[in-house]
Amino acid sequence: MLNEEVITKAETAAIQIPAGNALILPEGSRIYITQKLGNTITAATDVGLVRISRVEAARAGIIPEEEGVEESDENLTLEERVWKVLGGIVDPEIPVDIVNLGLVYGVEVIPQKEGGAQVNVQMTLTAPGCTMGPHMMAEAEMGIYALDGVGGVNIEFVWDPPWNQEMMTEEARMQLGIE
């Protein structure tokens, strides 16, 4: 299905790359899937490259329904589910998820008296001027808010310590061919 023409069967919510602008692709749009990583697919369209969540892509008939279904999280703690969401976010310029890249510095889950939990995430970028930073932040925030038990989300970009390749997991280094 990669690089084959697909016609959307419904209006489809997408995010332009690298601008990060939200848009709706009309029903009947021609797209070409260029990448399927994490929770999203990347596709070439008449308006340029876009990212579409797998759930949205399945709903719009872009990918088979079973590829848009999330695995059950019922036995995971809220913190484990947050890490799973973050592990599904792929840096569009480096095809590796942000957890394995070492961009997530910490996750804190604080139960609230009024119910739900406040989730705080500290993360960084490979470079302070990364144009996809706001998009990755929004994707993390939306994914975490969608989890049961979340009452609030705060994503904070931090620059200390500065990111370097040593922060990547062995898996990420292998994916990128870095020794």
Protein backbone atom coordinates (compact mmCIF):
# COMPACT_ATOMS: atom_id res chain seq x y z
CA MET A 1 0.00 0.00 0.00
CA LEU A 2 3.00 2.34 0.32
CA ASN A 3 3.33 4.76 -2.61
CA GLU A 4 0.09 3.55 -4.17
CA GLU A 5 -2.69 6.00 -4.95
CA VAL A 6 -5.50 5.88 -2.39
CA ILE A 7 -8.78 7.81 -2.64
CA THR A 8 -10.26 9.04 0.65
CA LYS A 9 -13.77 7.76 1.33
CA ALA A 10 -14.59 10.58 3.75
CA GLU A 11 -13.34 14.01 4.78
CA THR A 12 -10.04 13.47 6.56
CA ALA A 13 -8.38 15.54 9.27
CA ALA A 14 -4.65 16.01 8.61
CA ILE A 15 -1.67 18.13 9.63
CA GLN A 16 0.54 19.75 6.98
CA ILE A 17 4.25 18.96 7.18
CA PRO A 18 6.37 20.84 8.17
CA ALA A 19 4.12 23.84 8.83
CA GLY A 20 1.93 22.02 11.35
CA ASN A 21 -1.30 23.55 9.99
CA ALA A 22 -4.49 21.54 10.56
CA LEU A 23 -6.58 20.92 7.46
CA ILE A 24 -9.40 18.76 6.15
CA LEU A 25 -8.84 16.73 3.00
CA PRO A 26 -12.13 16.50 1.08
CA GLU A 27 -13.75 13.15 0.42
CA GLY A 28 -12.34 11.77 -2.84
CA SER A 29 -8.87 13.28 -2.33
CA ARG A 30 -6.00 11.41 -4.00
CA ILE A 31 -3.19 10.60 -1.61
CA TYR A 32 -0.02 8.53 -1.72
CA ILE A 33 1.06 6.95 1.59
CA THR A 34 4.80 7.46 1.95
CA GLN A 35 5.32 6.24 5.50
CA LYS A 36 3.53 4.34 8.28
CA LEU A 37 5.23 4.85 11.63
CA GLY A 38 3.86 5.01 15.14
CA ASN A 39 0.35 6.38 15.49
CA THR A 40 0.38 8.22 12.15
CA ILE A 41 0.83 7.84 8.44
CA THR A 42 2.55 10.35 6.20
CA ALA A 43 1.05 10.97 2.77
CA ALA A 44 1.72 13.07 -0.29
CA THR A 45 -1.37 15.02 -1.38
CA ASP A 46 -2.31 17.82 -3.75
CA VAL A 47 -1.55 20.25 -0.88
CA GLY A 48 1.85 18.71 -0.04
CA LEU A 49 2.91 16.29 2.68
CA VAL A 50 0.50 15.60 5.54
CA ARG A 51 0.31 13.42 8.64
CA ILE A 52 -2.89 11.58 9.46
CA SER A 53 -3.57 9.57 12.61
CA ARG A 54 -4.03 5.85 11.99
CA VAL A 55 -7.49 5.99 13.56
CA GLU A 56 -8.50 8.82 11.19
CA ALA A 57 -6.92 7.03 8.21
CA ALA A 58 -8.89 3.85 8.96
CA ARG A 59 -12.11 5.86 9.37
CA ALA A 60 -11.55 7.52 5.98
CA GLY A 61 -10.80 4.23 4.22
CA ILE A 62 -7.14 5.08 3.61
CA ILE A 63 -5.83 2.03 5.47
CA PRO A 64 -7.61 -1.18 6.51
CA GLU A 65 -9.69 -0.84 9.69
CA GLU A 66 -7.51 -3.30 11.62
CA GLU A 67 -4.49 -1.01 11.12
CA GLY A 68 -6.35 1.82 12.87
CA VAL A 69 -7.32 -0.18 15.95
CA GLU A 70 -5.35 0.52 19.10
CA GLU A 71 -4.16 -2.37 21.28
CA SER A 72 -5.97 -2.75 24.59
CA ASP A 73 -4.43 -0.73 27.41
CA GLU A 74 -6.71 -1.96 30.19
CA ASN A 75 -3.88 -3.53 32.23
CA LEU A 76 -1.51 -0.57 31.97
CA THR A 77 -1.15 2.25 34.49
CA LEU A 78 -1.92 5.77 33.32
CA GLU A 79 1.81 6.57 33.24
CA GLU A 80 2.49 3.49 31.09
CA ARG A 81 -0.31 4.55 28.72
CA VAL A 82 1.21 8.06 28.48
CA TRP A 83 4.62 6.57 27.59
CA LYS A 84 2.88 4.38 24.99
CA VAL A 85 1.27 7.45 23.39
CA LEU A 86 4.62 9.26 23.34
CA GLY A 87 6.31 6.18 21.86
CA GLY A 88 3.87 6.36 18.96
CA ILE A 89 4.90 9.90 17.98
CA VAL A 90 7.52 9.85 15.25
CA ASP A 91 9.81 12.78 14.51
CA PRO A 92 8.91 13.43 10.86
CA GLU A 93 12.44 14.53 9.99
CA ILE A 94 14.07 11.50 11.65
CA PRO A 95 11.87 8.41 11.23
CA VAL A 96 12.17 7.31 14.87
CA ASP A 97 9.73 7.83 17.74
CA ILE A 98 10.43 10.59 20.22
CA VAL A 99 10.94 8.20 23.16
CA ASN A 100 13.66 6.17 21.42
CA LEU A 101 15.24 9.39 20.16
CA GLY A 102 15.62 10.44 23.79
CA LEU A 103 13.50 13.56 23.38
CA VAL A 104 11.21 12.79 26.34
CA TYR A 105 12.97 13.70 29.58
CA GLY A 106 10.18 12.89 32.00
CA VAL A 107 6.52 12.08 32.62
CA GLU A 108 4.73 12.96 35.86
CA VAL A 109 1.17 11.85 36.65
CA ILE A 110 -0.45 13.74 39.54
CA PRO A 111 -3.89 12.55 40.75
CA GLN A 112 -6.31 15.46 41.27
CA LYS A 113 -8.82 15.76 44.13
CA GLU A 114 -11.61 16.61 41.69
CA GLY A 115 -10.88 13.47 39.64
CA GLY A 116 -8.65 12.69 36.73
CA ALA A 117 -4.94 13.31 36.73
CA GLN A 118 -2.66 16.13 35.67
CA VAL A 119 -0.02 14.79 33.25
CA ASN A 120 3.18 16.80 32.93
CA VAL A 121 5.70 15.95 30.22
CA GLN A 122 9.16 17.41 29.82
CA MET A 123 10.61 16.99 26.38
CA THR A 124 13.13 18.57 24.07
CA LEU A 125 13.89 18.73 20.36
CA THR A 126 16.93 17.70 18.38
CA ALA A 127 17.48 21.43 17.71
CA PRO A 128 15.80 24.52 19.23
CA GLY A 129 14.71 25.77 15.79
CA CYS A 130 12.96 22.52 14.79
CA THR A 131 9.85 23.55 12.86
CA MET A 132 8.03 20.33 13.80
CA GLY A 133 8.28 21.03 17.55
CA PRO A 134 4.82 22.60 17.86
CA HIS A 135 3.30 19.76 15.83
CA MET A 136 4.91 17.05 17.99
CA MET A 137 3.81 18.93 21.12
CA ALA A 138 0.22 19.12 19.83
CA GLU A 139 0.23 15.44 18.84
CA ALA A 140 1.46 14.49 22.33
CA GLU A 141 -1.10 16.73 24.03
CA MET A 142 -4.01 15.40 21.94
CA GLY A 143 -2.95 11.78 22.42
CA ILE A 144 -2.58 12.14 26.19
CA TYR A 145 -5.87 14.05 26.58
CA ALA A 146 -7.62 11.18 24.80
CA LEU A 147 -6.59 8.73 27.54
CA ASP A 148 -9.16 7.77 30.19
CA GLY A 149 -8.34 9.36 33.53
CA VAL A 150 -6.56 12.45 32.22
CA GLY A 151 -7.88 15.77 33.52
CA GLY A 152 -5.08 18.05 32.30
CA VAL A 153 -1.93 17.99 30.21
CA ASN A 154 1.12 20.23 30.31
CA ILE A 155 3.89 19.69 27.74
CA GLU A 156 7.03 21.68 28.48
CA PHE A 157 9.98 22.04 26.13
CA VAL A 158 13.25 22.09 28.06
CA TRP A 159 16.71 22.73 26.66
CA ASP A 160 18.89 21.56 29.54
CA PRO A 161 20.48 19.17 29.09
CA PRO A 162 20.78 19.80 25.36
CA TRP A 163 19.85 16.77 23.24
CA ASN A 164 22.63 14.77 21.62
CA GLN A 165 22.85 11.44 19.81
CA GLU A 166 24.03 9.67 22.96
CA MET A 167 20.49 10.08 24.33
CA MET A 168 19.07 7.74 21.68
CA THR A 169 18.32 4.15 22.57
CA GLU A 170 20.27 1.35 20.95
CA GLU A 171 17.14 0.57 18.90
CA ALA A 172 17.09 4.12 17.50
CA ARG A 173 20.79 4.01 16.66
CA MET A 174 20.31 0.72 14.83
CA GLN A 175 17.32 2.12 12.88
CA LEU A 176 19.41 5.09 11.79
CA GLY A 177 22.59 3.12 11.12
CA ILE A 178 24.56 4.97 13.82
CA GLU A 179 27.30 3.00 15.58
